[in-house]
């Protein structure tokens, strides 16, 4: 599942780092914290590996 925005891609990268033990889980905030708990390492990797070119900074609600 590809990331829909740059912010989502960055959050997935942070959650992936915590899941792998590269950073403390207690350092996570907001979306990355819930992503780490609810998604598998493969799902996080797929989302974090999304290319950023052409993605909006934040996903719009429309």
Protein backbone atom coordinates (compact mmCIF):
# COMPACT_ATOMS: atom_id res chain seq x y z
CA UNK A 1 0.00 0.00 0.00
CA UNK A 2 1.75 3.20 -1.13
CA UNK A 3 1.75 6.36 0.97
CA UNK A 4 -0.67 9.05 -0.19
CA UNK A 5 1.37 11.98 1.14
CA UNK A 6 4.87 12.94 2.23
CA UNK A 7 3.73 13.14 5.85
CA UNK A 8 2.30 9.62 5.73
CA UNK A 9 5.53 8.33 4.18
CA UNK A 10 7.63 9.96 6.90
CA UNK A 11 5.40 8.57 9.65
CA UNK A 12 5.71 5.08 8.20
CA UNK A 13 9.49 5.45 8.12
CA UNK A 14 9.59 6.44 11.78
CA UNK A 15 7.28 3.56 12.76
CA UNK A 16 9.42 1.13 10.76
CA UNK A 17 12.59 2.33 12.51
CA UNK A 18 10.95 1.80 15.91
CA UNK A 19 9.64 -1.64 14.95
CA UNK A 20 13.15 -2.67 13.86
CA UNK A 21 14.67 -1.30 17.08
CA UNK A 22 16.60 1.54 15.43
CA UNK A 23 14.79 4.08 17.59
CA UNK A 24 12.81 3.99 20.82
CA UNK A 25 9.09 3.29 20.56
CA UNK A 26 8.55 5.91 23.25
CA UNK A 27 9.89 8.58 20.84
CA UNK A 28 7.01 8.00 18.41
CA UNK A 29 4.14 10.49 18.27
CA UNK A 30 0.74 10.65 16.60
CA UNK A 31 0.20 8.59 13.47
CA UNK A 32 3.58 6.85 13.60
CA UNK A 33 2.75 5.51 17.07
CA UNK A 34 -0.49 3.89 15.92
CA UNK A 35 1.10 2.69 12.67
CA UNK A 36 3.83 0.89 14.60
CA UNK A 37 1.25 -0.96 16.66
CA UNK A 38 -1.19 -1.85 13.90
CA UNK A 39 0.93 -2.56 10.81
CA UNK A 40 3.40 -5.31 9.97
CA UNK A 41 7.03 -4.57 9.16
CA UNK A 42 6.39 -5.37 5.48
CA UNK A 43 3.41 -3.00 5.31
CA UNK A 44 5.45 -0.23 6.91
CA UNK A 45 8.36 -0.88 4.55
CA UNK A 46 6.08 -0.72 1.51
CA UNK A 47 4.59 2.57 2.69
CA UNK A 48 7.93 4.11 3.67
CA UNK A 49 9.52 3.11 0.34
CA UNK A 50 6.95 5.10 -1.66
CA UNK A 51 8.52 7.68 -3.96
CA UNK A 52 7.90 11.24 -2.75
CA UNK A 53 7.93 12.99 -6.12
CA UNK A 54 4.48 14.38 -6.92
CA UNK A 55 3.01 13.63 -3.49
CA UNK A 56 1.30 16.42 -1.54
CA UNK A 57 2.75 17.38 1.84
CA UNK A 58 -0.50 16.29 3.54
CA UNK A 59 -3.41 14.27 2.19
CA UNK A 60 -6.54 16.35 1.69
CA UNK A 61 -9.87 15.09 3.02
CA UNK A 62 -11.68 15.52 -0.30
